[in-house]
């Protein structure tokens, strides 16, 4: 499959009065054309920083990409100028931010906000821009687009505002859509509708999607592949079935056990004990060592190399390293 995005060894630091936060520490991942990749993990694991880095939205100062490359359609976005990035944002790459309540300007009509991107990036006429905006409102399931076009954000429900934000992100027909926690502020019924909408839009437009979330239910519904992030690193990647039915990293297993399921008999969920690592002084070895019940001495001192479990399933854990499995088999003899 054709790769539309490839991130290689990305490091992002934030300089503060208390020291340097190493928010992203060597992230490498890729996205195929027409695919949905979900990046999952706890708050503070580096998911949003990674996605903002793609759009060059890291505030500088205090943030800075100190190492790595972000190849988008053969172009390194890390080396791209601010002027060039302004031409890319909204046209080639669009982003849906976490809270639709604050993503829209309350003083402008929905129509003005929808057509702004078209007017900025194309030479389309005002009438054509309005027609395309109303077509987008229909695409995202907004009824009576003629009337809604003239209304203000406060006249819409939370779910409808999220649909408008999605329409704004798609109106210039981008190749890549980054959705950062797009269902956080919505109830479960609206969440399901929005996720169904993502699937329908991808089928119609062929857009590639990066979905940043901590909601594994959302991931199970729409993702093709999953990247599990912890302590600023990608600790496990694989297709959806591999991650949900054959997880190999203890952190991935812990995430899945902490999610309520209808087929579970246990009355109490199994939380992951402990807290995430301090990224002011991140550990030398595996960042999950302090919370892992299976940790070995090597885990605290040396970061594990990547182990390929299949063509599409990779994990960074000493428990899966060939040397550890060979030692375990010898001990059983």
C-alpha atoms as a PDB file:
ATOM      1  CA  UNK A   1       0.000   0.000   0.000  1.00  0.00           C
ATOM      2  CA  UNK A   2       1.058   3.590  -0.634  1.00  0.00           C
ATOM      3  CA  UNK A   3       2.311   5.438   2.458  1.00  0.00           C
ATOM      4  CA  UNK A   4       0.947   8.972   2.708  1.00  0.00           C
ATOM      5  CA  UNK A   5       2.711   9.819   5.997  1.00  0.00           C
ATOM      6  CA  UNK A   6       5.875   8.470   7.610  1.00  0.00           C
ATOM      7  CA  UNK A   7       7.276   9.704  10.929  1.00  0.00           C
ATOM      8  CA  UNK A   8      10.823   8.647  11.769  1.00  0.00           C
ATOM      9  CA  UNK A   9      12.518   8.985  15.196  1.00  0.00           C
ATOM     10  CA  UNK A  10      10.531  12.085  16.256  1.00  0.00           C
ATOM     11  CA  UNK A  11      11.672  13.875  19.430  1.00  0.00           C
ATOM     12  CA  UNK A  12       9.742  16.868  20.809  1.00  0.00           C
ATOM     13  CA  UNK A  13      10.879  18.768  23.927  1.00  0.00           C
ATOM     14  CA  UNK A  14       9.337  21.603  25.947  1.00  0.00           C
ATOM     15  CA  UNK A  15      11.654  23.912  27.885  1.00  0.00           C
ATOM     16  CA  UNK A  16      10.147  25.151  31.162  1.00  0.00           C
ATOM     17  CA  UNK A  17      11.400  26.852  34.328  1.00  0.00           C
ATOM     18  CA  UNK A  18      11.459  23.442  35.995  1.00  0.00           C
ATOM     19  CA  UNK A  19      13.505  21.792  33.252  1.00  0.00           C
ATOM     20  CA  UNK A  20      12.977  20.129  29.864  1.00  0.00           C
ATOM     21  CA  UNK A  21       9.959  17.917  29.288  1.00  0.00           C
ATOM     22  CA  UNK A  22      10.767  15.163  26.790  1.00  0.00           C
ATOM     23  CA  UNK A  23       7.184  14.782  25.617  1.00  0.00           C
ATOM     24  CA  UNK A  24       7.903  12.645  22.535  1.00  0.00           C
ATOM     25  CA  UNK A  25      10.968  10.391  22.545  1.00  0.00           C
ATOM     26  CA  UNK A  26      11.711   8.673  19.266  1.00  0.00           C
ATOM     27  CA  UNK A  27       8.282   8.041  17.768  1.00  0.00           C
ATOM     28  CA  UNK A  28       8.218   6.227  14.426  1.00  0.00           C
ATOM     29  CA  UNK A  29       4.987   5.358  12.631  1.00  0.00           C
ATOM     30  CA  UNK A  30       3.374   5.433   9.203  1.00  0.00           C
ATOM     31  CA  UNK A  31      -0.058   5.875   7.655  1.00  0.00           C
ATOM     32  CA  UNK A  32      -1.225   4.265   4.430  1.00  0.00           C
ATOM     33  CA  UNK A  33      -3.448   6.015   1.927  1.00  0.00           C
ATOM     34  CA  UNK A  34      -7.141   5.609   2.778  1.00  0.00           C
ATOM     35  CA  UNK A  35      -6.364   4.058   6.177  1.00  0.00           C
ATOM     36  CA  UNK A  36      -7.422   4.928   9.723  1.00  0.00           C
ATOM     37  CA  UNK A  37      -4.637   4.782  12.317  1.00  0.00           C
ATOM     38  CA  UNK A  38      -5.597   5.141  15.976  1.00  0.00           C
ATOM     39  CA  UNK A  39      -3.022   6.426  18.479  1.00  0.00           C
ATOM     40  CA  UNK A  40      -4.105   5.374  21.972  1.00  0.00           C
ATOM     41  CA  UNK A  41      -2.764   5.794  25.487  1.00  0.00           C
ATOM     42  CA  UNK A  42      -3.259   7.590  28.779  1.00  0.00           C
ATOM     43  CA  UNK A  43      -3.303  11.366  29.096  1.00  0.00           C
ATOM     44  CA  UNK A  44       0.258  12.681  28.993  1.00  0.00           C
ATOM     45  CA  UNK A  45       1.609   9.851  26.845  1.00  0.00           C
ATOM     46  CA  UNK A  46       2.442  12.198  23.941  1.00  0.00           C
ATOM     47  CA  UNK A  47      -0.474  11.521  21.577  1.00  0.00           C
ATOM     48  CA  UNK A  48      -1.563  15.128  21.003  1.00  0.00           C
ATOM     49  CA  UNK A  49       2.022  16.424  20.843  1.00  0.00           C
ATOM     50  CA  UNK A  50       2.741  13.919  18.073  1.00  0.00           C
ATOM     51  CA  UNK A  51      -0.349  14.915  16.093  1.00  0.00           C
ATOM     52  CA  UNK A  52       0.307  18.642  16.587  1.00  0.00           C
ATOM     53  CA  UNK A  53       3.870  18.130  15.366  1.00  0.00           C
ATOM     54  CA  UNK A  54       2.532  16.876  12.027  1.00  0.00           C
ATOM     55  CA  UNK A  55       0.649  20.164  11.608  1.00  0.00           C
ATOM     56  CA  UNK A  56       3.613  22.193  12.971  1.00  0.00           C
ATOM     57  CA  UNK A  57       1.345  23.515  15.738  1.00  0.00           C
ATOM     58  CA  UNK A  58       3.861  23.060  18.570  1.00  0.00           C
ATOM     59  CA  UNK A  59       4.216  26.505  20.234  1.00  0.00           C
ATOM     60  CA  UNK A  60       7.844  27.649  19.985  1.00  0.00           C
ATOM     61  CA  UNK A  61       8.930  28.558  22.567  1.00  0.00           C
ATOM     62  CA  UNK A  62       8.584  26.491  24.728  1.00  0.00           C
ATOM     63  CA  UNK A  63       8.227  23.536  22.358  1.00  0.00           C
ATOM     64  CA  UNK A  64      10.688  22.340  19.734  1.00  0.00           C
ATOM     65  CA  UNK A  65      11.142  19.378  17.411  1.00  0.00           C
ATOM     66  CA  UNK A  66      14.721  18.495  18.287  1.00  0.00           C
ATOM     67  CA  UNK A  67      15.132  15.447  16.072  1.00  0.00           C
ATOM     68  CA  UNK A  68      13.379  13.351  13.469  1.00  0.00           C
ATOM     69  CA  UNK A  69      11.481  13.689  10.203  1.00  0.00           C
ATOM     70  CA  UNK A  70       7.801  13.818   9.199  1.00  0.00           C
ATOM     71  CA  UNK A  71       7.481  12.790   5.558  1.00  0.00           C
ATOM     72  CA  UNK A  72       4.129  13.714   3.995  1.00  0.00           C
ATOM     73  CA  UNK A  73       3.743  12.668   0.361  1.00  0.00           C
ATOM     74  CA  UNK A  74       7.537  12.746   0.007  1.00  0.00           C
ATOM     75  CA  UNK A  75       8.012  16.110   1.726  1.00  0.00           C
ATOM     76  CA  UNK A  76       9.650  16.619   5.139  1.00  0.00           C
ATOM     77  CA  UNK A  77       7.285  18.822   7.148  1.00  0.00           C
ATOM     78  CA  UNK A  78       9.935  19.416   9.836  1.00  0.00           C
ATOM     79  CA  UNK A  79      11.999  21.363   7.291  1.00  0.00           C
ATOM     80  CA  UNK A  80       8.998  23.229   5.855  1.00  0.00           C
ATOM     81  CA  UNK A  81       8.775  27.009   6.387  1.00  0.00           C
ATOM     82  CA  UNK A  82       5.883  28.662   8.219  1.00  0.00           C
ATOM     83  CA  UNK A  83       4.602  30.165   4.971  1.00  0.00           C
ATOM     84  CA  UNK A  84       4.636  26.780   3.233  1.00  0.00           C
ATOM     85  CA  UNK A  85       2.876  25.156   6.202  1.00  0.00           C
ATOM     86  CA  UNK A  86       0.077  27.732   6.041  1.00  0.00           C
ATOM     87  CA  UNK A  87      -0.544  26.611   2.470  1.00  0.00           C
ATOM     88  CA  UNK A  88      -0.587  22.933   3.549  1.00  0.00           C
ATOM     89  CA  UNK A  89      -2.869  23.288   6.596  1.00  0.00           C
ATOM     90  CA  UNK A  90      -6.519  22.919   5.737  1.00  0.00           C
ATOM     91  CA  UNK A  91      -5.784  21.979   2.114  1.00  0.00           C
ATOM     92  CA  UNK A  92      -3.552  18.880   2.303  1.00  0.00           C
ATOM     93  CA  UNK A  93      -3.798  18.223   6.052  1.00  0.00           C
ATOM     94  CA  UNK A  94      -6.711  19.186   8.306  1.00  0.00           C
ATOM     95  CA  UNK A  95      -7.233  18.760  12.022  1.00  0.00           C
ATOM     96  CA  UNK A  96     -10.280  18.324  14.246  1.00  0.00           C
ATOM     97  CA  UNK A  97      -9.512  19.614  17.729  1.00  0.00           C
ATOM     98  CA  UNK A  98     -10.711  18.159  21.019  1.00  0.00           C
ATOM     99  CA  UNK A  99     -13.560  20.471  22.007  1.00  0.00           C
ATOM    100  CA  UNK A 100     -16.126  21.558  19.396  1.00  0.00           C
ATOM    101  CA  UNK A 101     -17.496  24.092  21.899  1.00  0.00           C
ATOM    102  CA  UNK A 102     -14.301  26.158  21.653  1.00  0.00           C
ATOM    103  CA  UNK A 103     -13.228  25.273  18.099  1.00  0.00           C
ATOM    104  CA  UNK A 104     -15.936  27.514  16.598  1.00  0.00           C
ATOM    105  CA  UNK A 105     -16.001  31.316  16.755  1.00  0.00           C
ATOM    106  CA  UNK A 106     -19.243  32.344  18.538  1.00  0.00           C
ATOM    107  CA  UNK A 107     -19.325  35.749  16.764  1.00  0.00           C
ATOM    108  CA  UNK A 108     -19.356  34.365  13.195  1.00  0.00           C
ATOM    109  CA  UNK A 109     -22.056  32.415  11.404  1.00  0.00           C
ATOM    110  CA  UNK A 110     -21.436  28.782  10.575  1.00  0.00           C
ATOM    111  CA  UNK A 111     -21.460  29.713   6.888  1.00  0.00           C
ATOM    112  CA  UNK A 112     -18.701  32.288   7.324  1.00  0.00           C
ATOM    113  CA  UNK A 113     -16.543  29.790   9.191  1.00  0.00           C
ATOM    114  CA  UNK A 114     -17.133  27.034   6.652  1.00  0.00           C
ATOM    115  CA  UNK A 115     -16.257  29.185   3.637  1.00  0.00           C
ATOM    116  CA  UNK A 116     -13.237  30.885   5.245  1.00  0.00           C
ATOM    117  CA  UNK A 117     -10.860  28.087   4.269  1.00  0.00           C
ATOM    118  CA  UNK A 118     -12.113  28.023   0.698  1.00  0.00           C
ATOM    119  CA  UNK A 119     -11.664  31.782   0.338  1.00  0.00           C
ATOM    120  CA  UNK A 120      -8.177  31.589   1.863  1.00  0.00           C
ATOM    121  CA  UNK A 121      -6.822  28.720  -0.200  1.00  0.00           C
ATOM    122  CA  UNK A 122      -8.754  28.806  -3.496  1.00  0.00           C
ATOM    123  CA  UNK A 123     -10.007  31.320  -6.049  1.00  0.00           C
ATOM    124  CA  UNK A 124     -13.558  29.984  -5.877  1.00  0.00           C
ATOM    125  CA  UNK A 125     -16.425  32.492  -6.149  1.00  0.00           C
ATOM    126  CA  UNK A 126     -18.576  33.405  -3.143  1.00  0.00           C
ATOM    127  CA  UNK A 127     -21.616  31.616  -4.613  1.00  0.00           C
ATOM    128  CA  UNK A 128     -19.634  28.480  -5.364  1.00  0.00           C
ATOM    129  CA  UNK A 129     -18.103  28.548  -1.859  1.00  0.00           C
ATOM    130  CA  UNK A 130     -21.570  28.800  -0.318  1.00  0.00           C
ATOM    131  CA  UNK A 131     -22.835  25.903  -2.422  1.00  0.00           C
ATOM    132  CA  UNK A 132     -19.872  23.731  -1.469  1.00  0.00           C
ATOM    133  CA  UNK A 133     -20.360  24.617   2.212  1.00  0.00           C
ATOM    134  CA  UNK A 134     -23.990  23.525   2.064  1.00  0.00           C
ATOM    135  CA  UNK A 135     -22.958  20.313   0.300  1.00  0.00           C
ATOM    136  CA  UNK A 136     -20.549  19.640   3.181  1.00  0.00           C
ATOM    137  CA  UNK A 137     -23.324  20.280   5.727  1.00  0.00           C
ATOM    138  CA  UNK A 138     -25.423  17.662   3.950  1.00  0.00           C
ATOM    139  CA  UNK A 139     -22.471  15.255   3.871  1.00  0.00           C
ATOM    140  CA  UNK A 140     -22.050  15.457   7.656  1.00  0.00           C
ATOM    141  CA  UNK A 141     -25.786  15.040   8.274  1.00  0.00           C
ATOM    142  CA  UNK A 142     -26.950  18.597   9.009  1.00  0.00           C
ATOM    143  CA  UNK A 143     -30.576  19.032   7.924  1.00  0.00           C
ATOM    144  CA  UNK A 144     -31.867  22.234   6.274  1.00  0.00           C
ATOM    145  CA  UNK A 145     -28.391  23.521   5.287  1.00  0.00           C
ATOM    146  CA  UNK A 146     -29.880  26.701   3.732  1.00  0.00           C
ATOM    147  CA  UNK A 147     -31.101  27.840   7.149  1.00  0.00           C
ATOM    148  CA  UNK A 148     -28.217  26.400   9.161  1.00  0.00           C
ATOM    149  CA  UNK A 149     -25.684  28.207   6.973  1.00  0.00           C
ATOM    150  CA  UNK A 150     -26.842  31.552   8.411  1.00  0.00           C
ATOM    151  CA  UNK A 151     -26.989  30.486  12.066  1.00  0.00           C
ATOM    152  CA  UNK A 152     -24.434  30.896  14.879  1.00  0.00           C
ATOM    153  CA  UNK A 153     -22.707  28.092  16.839  1.00  0.00           C
ATOM    154  CA  UNK A 154     -24.854  28.635  19.969  1.00  0.00           C
ATOM    155  CA  UNK A 155     -27.902  27.598  17.934  1.00  0.00           C
ATOM    156  CA  UNK A 156     -26.501  24.075  17.482  1.00  0.00           C
ATOM    157  CA  UNK A 157     -26.227  21.117  19.868  1.00  0.00           C
ATOM    158  CA  UNK A 158     -22.848  19.681  20.853  1.00  0.00           C
ATOM    159  CA  UNK A 159     -23.123  16.827  18.358  1.00  0.00           C
ATOM    160  CA  UNK A 160     -24.109  19.189  15.540  1.00  0.00           C
ATOM    161  CA  UNK A 161     -21.194  21.491  16.364  1.00  0.00           C
ATOM    162  CA  UNK A 162     -18.838  18.545  16.116  1.00  0.00           C
ATOM    163  CA  UNK A 163     -20.298  17.742  12.692  1.00  0.00           C
ATOM    164  CA  UNK A 164     -19.680  21.352  11.620  1.00  0.00           C
ATOM    165  CA  UNK A 165     -16.064  21.143  12.797  1.00  0.00           C
ATOM    166  CA  UNK A 166     -15.683  17.961  10.720  1.00  0.00           C
ATOM    167  CA  UNK A 167     -17.224  19.761   7.718  1.00  0.00           C
ATOM    168  CA  UNK A 168     -14.755  22.647   8.172  1.00  0.00           C
ATOM    169  CA  UNK A 169     -11.852  20.199   8.222  1.00  0.00           C
ATOM    170  CA  UNK A 170     -13.009  18.425   5.058  1.00  0.00           C
ATOM    171  CA  UNK A 171     -14.234  21.308   2.913  1.00  0.00           C
ATOM    172  CA  UNK A 172     -10.901  21.774   1.094  1.00  0.00           C
ATOM    173  CA  UNK A 173     -10.716  18.007   0.438  1.00  0.00           C
ATOM    174  CA  UNK A 174      -7.513  17.189   2.386  1.00  0.00           C
ATOM    175  CA  UNK A 175      -5.547  13.978   1.904  1.00  0.00           C
ATOM    176  CA  UNK A 176      -4.960  13.596   5.671  1.00  0.00           C
ATOM    177  CA  UNK A 177      -7.394  14.256   8.517  1.00  0.00           C
ATOM    178  CA  UNK A 178      -6.128  14.322  12.123  1.00  0.00           C
ATOM    179  CA  UNK A 179      -8.891  13.904  14.711  1.00  0.00           C
ATOM    180  CA  UNK A 180      -7.694  14.693  18.248  1.00  0.00           C
ATOM    181  CA  UNK A 181     -10.177  13.216  20.755  1.00  0.00           C
ATOM    182  CA  UNK A 182     -13.142  14.118  18.491  1.00  0.00           C
ATOM    183  CA  UNK A 183     -15.767  12.528  20.759  1.00  0.00           C
ATOM    184  CA  UNK A 184     -14.518  13.586  24.219  1.00  0.00           C
ATOM    185  CA  UNK A 185     -17.268  16.122  24.944  1.00  0.00           C
ATOM    186  CA  UNK A 186     -20.106  14.025  23.491  1.00  0.00           C
ATOM    187  CA  UNK A 187     -22.455  11.457  25.016  1.00  0.00           C
ATOM    188  CA  UNK A 188     -22.201   7.840  23.882  1.00  0.00           C
ATOM    189  CA  UNK A 189     -25.111   8.031  21.424  1.00  0.00           C
ATOM    190  CA  UNK A 190     -23.616  11.027  19.606  1.00  0.00           C
ATOM    191  CA  UNK A 191     -20.163   9.389  19.774  1.00  0.00           C
ATOM    192  CA  UNK A 192     -21.502   6.425  17.824  1.00  0.00           C
ATOM    193  CA  UNK A 193     -23.036   8.743  15.219  1.00  0.00           C
ATOM    194  CA  UNK A 194     -19.787  10.689  14.788  1.00  0.00           C
ATOM    195  CA  UNK A 195     -17.738   7.503  14.399  1.00  0.00           C
ATOM    196  CA  UNK A 196     -20.210   6.211  11.816  1.00  0.00           C
ATOM    197  CA  UNK A 197     -19.864   9.547  10.043  1.00  0.00           C
ATOM    198  CA  UNK A 198     -16.061   9.164   9.904  1.00  0.00           C
ATOM    199  CA  UNK A 199     -16.452   5.759   8.238  1.00  0.00           C
ATOM    200  CA  UNK A 200     -18.954   7.104   5.692  1.00  0.00           C
ATOM    201  CA  UNK A 201     -16.788  10.126   4.833  1.00  0.00           C
ATOM    202  CA  UNK A 202     -13.676   7.986   4.411  1.00  0.00           C
ATOM    203  CA  UNK A 203     -15.562   5.642   2.095  1.00  0.00           C
ATOM    204  CA  UNK A 204     -16.813   8.577  -0.005  1.00  0.00           C
ATOM    205  CA  UNK A 205     -13.666  10.718  -0.092  1.00  0.00           C
ATOM    206  CA  UNK A 206     -10.777   8.277   0.479  1.00  0.00           C
ATOM    207  CA  UNK A 207      -9.240  10.550   3.124  1.00  0.00           C
ATOM    208  CA  UNK A 208      -6.570   9.049   5.419  1.00  0.00           C
ATOM    209  CA  UNK A 209      -7.319   9.501   9.133  1.00  0.00           C
ATOM    210  CA  UNK A 210      -5.206   9.654  12.286  1.00  0.00           C
ATOM    211  CA  UNK A 211      -7.486   9.224  15.295  1.00  0.00           C
ATOM    212  CA  UNK A 212      -6.012  10.306  18.630  1.00  0.00           C
ATOM    213  CA  UNK A 213      -8.009   8.881  21.534  1.00  0.00           C
ATOM    214  CA  UNK A 214      -7.984   7.044  24.850  1.00  0.00           C
ATOM    215  CA  UNK A 215     -11.364   5.421  24.109  1.00  0.00           C
ATOM    216  CA  UNK A 216     -10.752   1.837  23.002  1.00  0.00           C
ATOM    217  CA  UNK A 217     -14.432   1.441  22.113  1.00  0.00           C
ATOM    218  CA  UNK A 218     -14.015   4.141  19.469  1.00  0.00           C
ATOM    219  CA  UNK A 219     -10.842   2.432  18.233  1.00  0.00           C
ATOM    220  CA  UNK A 220     -12.588  -0.918  17.856  1.00  0.00           C
ATOM    221  CA  UNK A 221     -15.289   0.724  15.760  1.00  0.00           C
ATOM    222  CA  UNK A 222     -13.281   2.595  13.125  1.00  0.00           C
ATOM    223  CA  UNK A 223      -9.509   1.875  13.211  1.00  0.00           C
ATOM    224  CA  UNK A 224      -7.602  -0.257  10.725  1.00  0.00           C
ATOM    225  CA  UNK A 225      -4.344  -0.156  12.698  1.00  0.00           C
ATOM    226  CA  UNK A 226      -3.491   0.865  16.269  1.00  0.00           C
ATOM    227  CA  UNK A 227      -0.378   2.462  17.776  1.00  0.00           C
ATOM    228  CA  UNK A 228      -0.192   2.224  21.585  1.00  0.00           C
ATOM    229  CA  UNK A 229       1.739   5.128  23.109  1.00  0.00           C
ATOM    230  CA  UNK A 230       3.232   5.392  26.592  1.00  0.00           C
ATOM    231  CA  UNK A 231       5.849   7.687  28.123  1.00  0.00           C
ATOM    232  CA  UNK A 232       6.461   9.484  24.828  1.00  0.00           C
ATOM    233  CA  UNK A 233       7.114   6.249  22.913  1.00  0.00           C
ATOM    234  CA  UNK A 234       5.177   3.867  20.688  1.00  0.00           C
ATOM    235  CA  UNK A 235       5.306   0.584  22.624  1.00  0.00           C
ATOM    236  CA  UNK A 236       3.135  -1.588  20.363  1.00  0.00           C
ATOM    237  CA  UNK A 237       1.653  -1.306  16.891  1.00  0.00           C
ATOM    238  CA  UNK A 238      -0.502  -3.670  14.887  1.00  0.00           C
ATOM    239  CA  UNK A 239      -3.725  -4.108  13.033  1.00  0.00           C
ATOM    240  CA  UNK A 240      -6.887  -3.844  15.077  1.00  0.00           C
ATOM    241  CA  UNK A 241      -7.376  -7.590  15.510  1.00  0.00           C
ATOM    242  CA  UNK A 242      -3.781  -8.117  16.671  1.00  0.00           C
ATOM    243  CA  UNK A 243      -4.041  -5.405  19.327  1.00  0.00           C
ATOM    244  CA  UNK A 244      -7.450  -6.453  20.645  1.00  0.00           C
ATOM    245  CA  UNK A 245      -7.113 -10.236  20.437  1.00  0.00           C
ATOM    246  CA  UNK A 246      -3.359 -10.793  20.765  1.00  0.00           C
ATOM    247  CA  UNK A 247      -1.856  -7.875  22.762  1.00  0.00           C
ATOM    248  CA  UNK A 248       1.753  -8.491  23.805  1.00  0.00           C
ATOM    249  CA  UNK A 249       2.911  -5.417  25.719  1.00  0.00           C
ATOM    250  CA  UNK A 250       1.866  -5.397  29.416  1.00  0.00           C
ATOM    251  CA  UNK A 251       0.646  -1.809  29.024  1.00  0.00           C
ATOM    252  CA  UNK A 252      -1.620  -2.723  26.111  1.00  0.00           C
ATOM    253  CA  UNK A 253      -2.981  -5.654  28.116  1.00  0.00           C
ATOM    254  CA  UNK A 254      -3.578  -3.333  31.085  1.00  0.00           C
ATOM    255  CA  UNK A 255      -5.477  -0.850  28.918  1.00  0.00           C
ATOM    256  CA  UNK A 256      -7.753  -3.573  27.584  1.00  0.00           C
ATOM    257  CA  UNK A 257      -8.415  -4.996  31.066  1.00  0.00           C
ATOM    258  CA  UNK A 258      -9.389  -1.570  32.386  1.00  0.00           C
ATOM    259  CA  UNK A 259     -12.223  -1.171  29.868  1.00  0.00           C
ATOM    260  CA  UNK A 260     -15.727  -2.390  30.855  1.00  0.00           C
ATOM    261  CA  UNK A 261     -17.072  -5.169  28.624  1.00  0.00           C
ATOM    262  CA  UNK A 262     -20.487  -6.799  28.368  1.00  0.00           C
ATOM    263  CA  UNK A 263     -18.954 -10.287  28.372  1.00  0.00           C
ATOM    264  CA  UNK A 264     -16.951  -9.710  31.576  1.00  0.00           C
ATOM    265  CA  UNK A 265     -18.040 -11.570  34.716  1.00  0.00           C
ATOM    266  CA  UNK A 266     -15.854  -9.569  37.110  1.00  0.00           C
ATOM    267  CA  UNK A 267     -17.671  -6.961  39.174  1.00  0.00           C
ATOM    268  CA  UNK A 268     -14.575  -4.754  39.496  1.00  0.00           C
ATOM    269  CA  UNK A 269     -12.387  -3.458  36.666  1.00  0.00           C
ATOM    270  CA  UNK A 270      -8.622  -3.991  36.816  1.00  0.00           C
ATOM    271  CA  UNK A 271      -6.899  -0.585  36.877  1.00  0.00           C
ATOM    272  CA  UNK A 272      -3.229  -0.129  36.013  1.00  0.00           C
ATOM    273  CA  UNK A 273      -1.519   0.566  39.335  1.00  0.00           C
ATOM    274  CA  UNK A 274       0.957   3.436  39.637  1.00  0.00           C
ATOM    275  CA  UNK A 275       1.433   6.614  37.641  1.00  0.00           C
ATOM    276  CA  UNK A 276       3.015   7.496  34.271  1.00  0.00           C
ATOM    277  CA  UNK A 277       6.746   8.290  34.227  1.00  0.00           C
ATOM    278  CA  UNK A 278       8.178  11.742  34.911  1.00  0.00           C
ATOM    279  CA  UNK A 279       9.143  13.079  31.486  1.00  0.00           C
ATOM    280  CA  UNK A 280      11.359  15.749  33.045  1.00  0.00           C
ATOM    281  CA  UNK A 281      13.692  12.810  33.785  1.00  0.00           C
ATOM    282  CA  UNK A 282      12.401   9.838  31.777  1.00  0.00           C
ATOM    283  CA  UNK A 283      13.698   6.359  32.628  1.00  0.00           C
ATOM    284  CA  UNK A 284      16.592   4.882  30.655  1.00  0.00           C
ATOM    285  CA  UNK A 285      14.786   1.624  30.082  1.00  0.00           C
ATOM    286  CA  UNK A 286      11.163   0.751  29.417  1.00  0.00           C
ATOM    287  CA  UNK A 287       8.939   3.577  30.747  1.00  0.00           C
ATOM    288  CA  UNK A 288       6.381   1.026  31.979  1.00  0.00           C
ATOM    289  CA  UNK A 289       8.861  -0.801  34.246  1.00  0.00           C
ATOM    290  CA  UNK A 290       7.658   0.734  37.530  1.00  0.00           C
ATOM    291  CA  UNK A 291       4.050  -0.342  36.834  1.00  0.00           C
ATOM    292  CA  UNK A 292       4.758  -3.727  35.238  1.00  0.00           C
ATOM    293  CA  UNK A 293       4.228  -6.917  37.238  1.00  0.00           C
ATOM    294  CA  UNK A 294       6.545  -8.819  34.873  1.00  0.00           C
ATOM    295  CA  UNK A 295       9.475  -6.359  34.872  1.00  0.00           C
ATOM    296  CA  UNK A 296      13.011  -7.749  34.877  1.00  0.00           C
ATOM    297  CA  UNK A 297      16.227  -5.993  35.893  1.00  0.00           C
ATOM    298  CA  UNK A 298      17.131  -5.275  32.267  1.00  0.00           C
ATOM    299  CA  UNK A 299      13.811  -3.454  31.762  1.00  0.00           C
ATOM    300  CA  UNK A 300      14.838  -0.598  34.062  1.00  0.00           C
ATOM    301  CA  UNK A 301      18.273  -0.117  32.511  1.00  0.00           C
ATOM    302  CA  UNK A 302      17.976  -0.700  28.763  1.00  0.00           C
ATOM    303  CA  UNK A 303      15.128   0.242  26.435  1.00  0.00           C
ATOM    304  CA  UNK A 304      13.919  -2.894  24.611  1.00  0.00           C
ATOM    305  CA  UNK A 305      14.503  -3.277  20.872  1.00  0.00           C
ATOM    306  CA  UNK A 306      11.510  -3.688  18.565  1.00  0.00           C
ATOM    307  CA  UNK A 307      10.326  -7.271  18.079  1.00  0.00           C
ATOM    308  CA  UNK A 308       8.392  -8.095  14.914  1.00  0.00           C
ATOM    309  CA  UNK A 309       5.656 -10.583  15.803  1.00  0.00           C
ATOM    310  CA  UNK A 310       4.235 -10.492  12.277  1.00  0.00           C
ATOM    311  CA  UNK A 311       4.423  -8.321   9.181  1.00  0.00           C
ATOM    312  CA  UNK A 312       2.048  -5.806  10.794  1.00  0.00           C
ATOM    313  CA  UNK A 313       2.504  -6.422  14.543  1.00  0.00           C
ATOM    314  CA  UNK A 314       5.488  -4.943  16.409  1.00  0.00           C
ATOM    315  CA  UNK A 315       6.157  -4.614  20.144  1.00  0.00           C
ATOM    316  CA  UNK A 316       8.929  -3.001  22.203  1.00  0.00           C
ATOM    317  CA  UNK A 317       9.108  -5.198  25.306  1.00  0.00           C
ATOM    318  CA  UNK A 318      11.894  -7.353  26.745  1.00  0.00           C
ATOM    319  CA  UNK A 319       9.389 -10.125  27.476  1.00  0.00           C
ATOM    320  CA  UNK A 320       8.962 -10.646  23.727  1.00  0.00           C
ATOM    321  CA  UNK A 321      12.654 -10.378  22.839  1.00  0.00           C
ATOM    322  CA  UNK A 322      14.083 -13.622  21.442  1.00  0.00           C
ATOM    323  CA  UNK A 323      16.805 -13.682  24.125  1.00  0.00           C
ATOM    324  CA  UNK A 324      14.254 -13.480  26.951  1.00  0.00           C
ATOM    325  CA  UNK A 325      11.999 -16.182  25.485  1.00  0.00           C
ATOM    326  CA  UNK A 326      15.027 -18.445  24.910  1.00  0.00           C
ATOM    327  CA  UNK A 327      16.176 -17.924  28.527  1.00  0.00           C
ATOM    328  CA  UNK A 328      12.686 -18.700  29.798  1.00  0.00           C
ATOM    329  CA  UNK A 329      12.590 -21.954  27.847  1.00  0.00           C
ATOM    330  CA  UNK A 330      15.991 -23.004  29.270  1.00  0.00           C
ATOM    331  CA  UNK A 331      14.814 -22.318  32.820  1.00  0.00           C
ATOM    332  CA  UNK A 332      11.835 -24.635  32.318  1.00  0.00           C
ATOM    333  CA  UNK A 333      14.064 -27.594  31.445  1.00  0.00           C
END
